[in-house]
Amino acid sequence: MSYRFSWDVVAESLPQIGAGIVGTIELASISIVAGIAIGVAGVVLRFGPSAVLRRLVKVYVEVMRNTPMLVQLYF
């Protein structure tokens, strides 16, 4: 039983691989920008004048810290 690796298959798949790389970079960039925006908004609300908003942000942060990432991804 022998197996021979074929570079032809890799060469034929390069456009799909390139599209996957571009899509991954786009998704990562959007996620980074959204995460920074949510974080900045949370900081502004956390130190803002409203006690209710401060409490809501505090609860959100504690829930995110204390739940496993797999559970967060599920929801």
N, C-alpha and C. Protein backbone atom coordinates (compact mmCIF):
# COMPACT_ATOMS: atom_id res chain seq x y z
N MET A 1 0.84 -1.17 0.00
CA MET A 1 0.00 0.00 0.00
C MET A 1 0.89 1.24 0.00
N SER A 2 0.83 1.98 -1.06
CA SER A 2 1.65 3.18 -1.13
C SER A 2 0.76 4.36 -1.49
N TYR A 3 1.20 5.48 -1.05
CA TYR A 3 0.46 6.71 -1.32
C TYR A 3 1.42 7.72 -1.92
N ARG A 4 0.97 8.39 -2.93
CA ARG A 4 1.80 9.39 -3.58
C ARG A 4 1.07 10.73 -3.52
N PHE A 5 1.72 11.70 -2.93
CA PHE A 5 1.14 13.04 -2.81
C PHE A 5 1.15 13.73 -4.16
N SER A 6 0.02 14.36 -4.50
CA SER A 6 -0.10 15.01 -5.79
C SER A 6 -0.21 16.53 -5.60
N TRP A 7 0.81 17.24 -6.07
CA TRP A 7 0.80 18.70 -5.97
C TRP A 7 -0.20 19.32 -6.94
N ASP A 8 -0.64 18.56 -7.91
CA ASP A 8 -1.63 19.07 -8.86
C ASP A 8 -2.93 19.44 -8.16
N VAL A 9 -3.33 18.65 -7.19
CA VAL A 9 -4.55 18.93 -6.44
C VAL A 9 -4.39 20.23 -5.66
N VAL A 10 -3.24 20.43 -5.07
CA VAL A 10 -2.97 21.67 -4.33
C VAL A 10 -3.01 22.87 -5.28
N ALA A 11 -2.39 22.74 -6.43
CA ALA A 11 -2.37 23.83 -7.40
C ALA A 11 -3.78 24.17 -7.89
N GLU A 12 -4.61 23.16 -8.09
CA GLU A 12 -5.99 23.40 -8.53
C GLU A 12 -6.82 24.06 -7.44
N SER A 13 -6.48 23.85 -6.18
CA SER A 13 -7.25 24.37 -5.05
C SER A 13 -6.79 25.75 -4.59
N LEU A 14 -5.74 26.30 -5.20
CA LEU A 14 -5.21 27.58 -4.75
C LEU A 14 -6.24 28.72 -4.76
N PRO A 15 -7.11 28.83 -5.77
CA PRO A 15 -8.11 29.90 -5.71
C PRO A 15 -9.05 29.77 -4.51
N GLN A 16 -9.44 28.56 -4.17
CA GLN A 16 -10.30 28.34 -3.02
C GLN A 16 -9.56 28.63 -1.72
N ILE A 17 -8.32 28.23 -1.65
CA ILE A 17 -7.51 28.50 -0.46
C ILE A 17 -7.33 30.00 -0.29
N GLY A 18 -7.04 30.72 -1.38
CA GLY A 18 -6.90 32.17 -1.33
C GLY A 18 -8.18 32.85 -0.87
N ALA A 19 -9.33 32.38 -1.40
CA ALA A 19 -10.61 32.95 -0.98
C ALA A 19 -10.86 32.69 0.51
N GLY A 20 -10.46 31.53 0.98
CA GLY A 20 -10.61 31.22 2.40
C GLY A 20 -9.74 32.11 3.27
N ILE A 21 -8.53 32.38 2.83
CA ILE A 21 -7.62 33.26 3.58
C ILE A 21 -8.18 34.67 3.63
N VAL A 22 -8.67 35.17 2.49
CA VAL A 22 -9.24 36.52 2.45
C VAL A 22 -10.47 36.61 3.35
N GLY A 23 -11.34 35.60 3.29
CA GLY A 23 -12.53 35.58 4.14
C GLY A 23 -12.17 35.55 5.62
N THR A 24 -11.15 34.79 5.97
CA THR A 24 -10.71 34.71 7.36
C THR A 24 -10.18 36.05 7.84
N ILE A 25 -9.40 36.72 7.02
CA ILE A 25 -8.85 38.03 7.39
C ILE A 25 -9.97 39.05 7.53
N GLU A 26 -10.95 39.02 6.62
CA GLU A 26 -12.09 39.94 6.72
C GLU A 26 -12.87 39.71 8.01
N LEU A 27 -13.18 38.45 8.31
CA LEU A 27 -13.93 38.12 9.51
C LEU A 27 -13.17 38.51 10.77
N ALA A 28 -11.87 38.27 10.78
CA ALA A 28 -11.05 38.64 11.94
C ALA A 28 -11.02 40.15 12.12
N SER A 29 -10.90 40.89 11.02
CA SER A 29 -10.87 42.36 11.10
C SER A 29 -12.18 42.91 11.64
N ILE A 30 -13.29 42.40 11.13
CA ILE A 30 -14.60 42.84 11.61
C ILE A 30 -14.76 42.52 13.09
N SER A 31 -14.33 41.33 13.49
CA SER A 31 -14.44 40.93 14.90
C SER A 31 -13.60 41.81 15.81
N ILE A 32 -12.40 42.16 15.36
CA ILE A 32 -11.52 43.01 16.16
C ILE A 32 -12.13 44.39 16.33
N VAL A 33 -12.63 44.96 15.24
CA VAL A 33 -13.24 46.30 15.31
C VAL A 33 -14.48 46.27 16.19
N ALA A 34 -15.32 45.26 16.04
CA ALA A 34 -16.53 45.15 16.86
C ALA A 34 -16.16 44.97 18.34
N GLY A 35 -15.14 44.16 18.61
CA GLY A 35 -14.72 43.94 20.00
C GLY A 35 -14.19 45.21 20.64
N ILE A 36 -13.43 45.97 19.89
CA ILE A 36 -12.92 47.24 20.42
C ILE A 36 -14.07 48.21 20.67
N ALA A 37 -15.03 48.27 19.74
CA ALA A 37 -16.17 49.17 19.91
C ALA A 37 -17.00 48.78 21.13
N ILE A 38 -17.26 47.50 21.30
CA ILE A 38 -18.02 47.05 22.47
C ILE A 38 -17.25 47.33 23.75
N GLY A 39 -15.95 47.11 23.73
CA GLY A 39 -15.13 47.37 24.91
C GLY A 39 -15.10 48.84 25.29
N VAL A 40 -14.94 49.71 24.30
CA VAL A 40 -14.92 51.15 24.58
C VAL A 40 -16.29 51.60 25.10
N ALA A 41 -17.36 51.09 24.49
CA ALA A 41 -18.70 51.44 24.96
C ALA A 41 -18.91 50.96 26.40
N GLY A 42 -18.40 49.77 26.70
CA GLY A 42 -18.52 49.25 28.06
C GLY A 42 -17.77 50.10 29.07
N VAL A 43 -16.59 50.55 28.71
CA VAL A 43 -15.80 51.40 29.61
C VAL A 43 -16.51 52.74 29.84
N VAL A 44 -17.04 53.32 28.76
CA VAL A 44 -17.73 54.60 28.89
C VAL A 44 -18.95 54.44 29.79
N LEU A 45 -19.70 53.36 29.59
CA LEU A 45 -20.89 53.14 30.44
C LEU A 45 -20.50 52.78 31.86
N ARG A 46 -19.42 52.04 32.01
CA ARG A 46 -18.98 51.61 33.36
C ARG A 46 -18.59 52.79 34.24
N PHE A 47 -18.03 53.83 33.64
CA PHE A 47 -17.62 54.99 34.42
C PHE A 47 -18.54 56.18 34.20
N GLY A 48 -19.71 55.91 33.64
CA GLY A 48 -20.68 56.98 33.39
C GLY A 48 -21.46 57.32 34.64
N PRO A 49 -22.35 58.31 34.53
CA PRO A 49 -23.10 58.78 35.69
C PRO A 49 -24.27 57.89 36.10
N SER A 50 -24.77 57.05 35.20
CA SER A 50 -25.96 56.25 35.49
C SER A 50 -25.61 54.99 36.27
N ALA A 51 -26.21 54.86 37.44
CA ALA A 51 -25.96 53.68 38.29
C ALA A 51 -26.53 52.41 37.66
N VAL A 52 -27.64 52.53 36.97
CA VAL A 52 -28.26 51.36 36.34
C VAL A 52 -27.35 50.81 35.23
N LEU A 53 -26.83 51.70 34.39
CA LEU A 53 -25.94 51.26 33.31
C LEU A 53 -24.64 50.70 33.86
N ARG A 54 -24.13 51.30 34.92
CA ARG A 54 -22.91 50.77 35.55
C ARG A 54 -23.15 49.34 36.03
N ARG A 55 -24.29 49.12 36.64
CA ARG A 55 -24.63 47.79 37.16
C ARG A 55 -24.79 46.78 36.02
N LEU A 56 -25.46 47.19 34.94
CA LEU A 56 -25.64 46.30 33.79
C LEU A 56 -24.31 45.89 33.16
N VAL A 57 -23.41 46.86 33.00
CA VAL A 57 -22.10 46.55 32.43
C VAL A 57 -21.32 45.63 33.37
N LYS A 58 -21.42 45.87 34.65
CA LYS A 58 -20.72 45.03 35.64
C LYS A 58 -21.23 43.59 35.57
N VAL A 59 -22.54 43.42 35.46
CA VAL A 59 -23.12 42.08 35.36
C VAL A 59 -22.68 41.40 34.07
N TYR A 60 -22.71 42.14 32.96
CA TYR A 60 -22.28 41.60 31.67
C TYR A 60 -20.83 41.11 31.74
N VAL A 61 -19.96 41.93 32.29
CA VAL A 61 -18.54 41.56 32.39
C VAL A 61 -18.37 40.32 33.25
N GLU A 62 -19.06 40.24 34.36
CA GLU A 62 -18.92 39.08 35.24
C GLU A 62 -19.46 37.81 34.58
N VAL A 63 -20.56 37.93 33.85
CA VAL A 63 -21.11 36.75 33.16
C VAL A 63 -20.13 36.27 32.10
N MET A 64 -19.56 37.20 31.34
CA MET A 64 -18.61 36.82 30.28
C MET A 64 -17.33 36.23 30.87
N ARG A 65 -16.91 36.74 32.00
CA ARG A 65 -15.69 36.21 32.63
C ARG A 65 -15.90 34.82 33.21
N ASN A 66 -17.09 34.57 33.74
CA ASN A 66 -17.31 33.36 34.53
C ASN A 66 -17.98 32.23 33.77
N THR A 67 -18.19 32.39 32.48
CA THR A 67 -18.72 31.27 31.70
C THR A 67 -17.63 30.77 30.75
N PRO A 68 -17.59 29.48 30.54
CA PRO A 68 -16.59 28.93 29.61
C PRO A 68 -16.84 29.42 28.18
N MET A 69 -15.78 29.55 27.41
CA MET A 69 -15.89 30.04 26.04
C MET A 69 -16.79 29.15 25.19
N LEU A 70 -16.76 27.84 25.42
CA LEU A 70 -17.59 26.94 24.64
C LEU A 70 -19.07 27.22 24.88
N VAL A 71 -19.45 27.55 26.10
CA VAL A 71 -20.83 27.90 26.42
C VAL A 71 -21.19 29.21 25.72
N GLN A 72 -20.32 30.18 25.73
CA GLN A 72 -20.56 31.45 25.05
C GLN A 72 -20.73 31.24 23.55
N LEU A 73 -19.91 30.39 22.96
CA LEU A 73 -20.02 30.12 21.53
C LEU A 73 -21.32 29.42 21.21
N TYR A 74 -21.79 28.57 22.11
CA TYR A 74 -23.04 27.87 21.89
C TYR A 74 -24.21 28.84 21.80
N PHE A 75 -24.21 29.83 22.68
CA PHE A 75 -25.29 30.82 22.68
C PHE A 75 -25.03 31.88 21.65
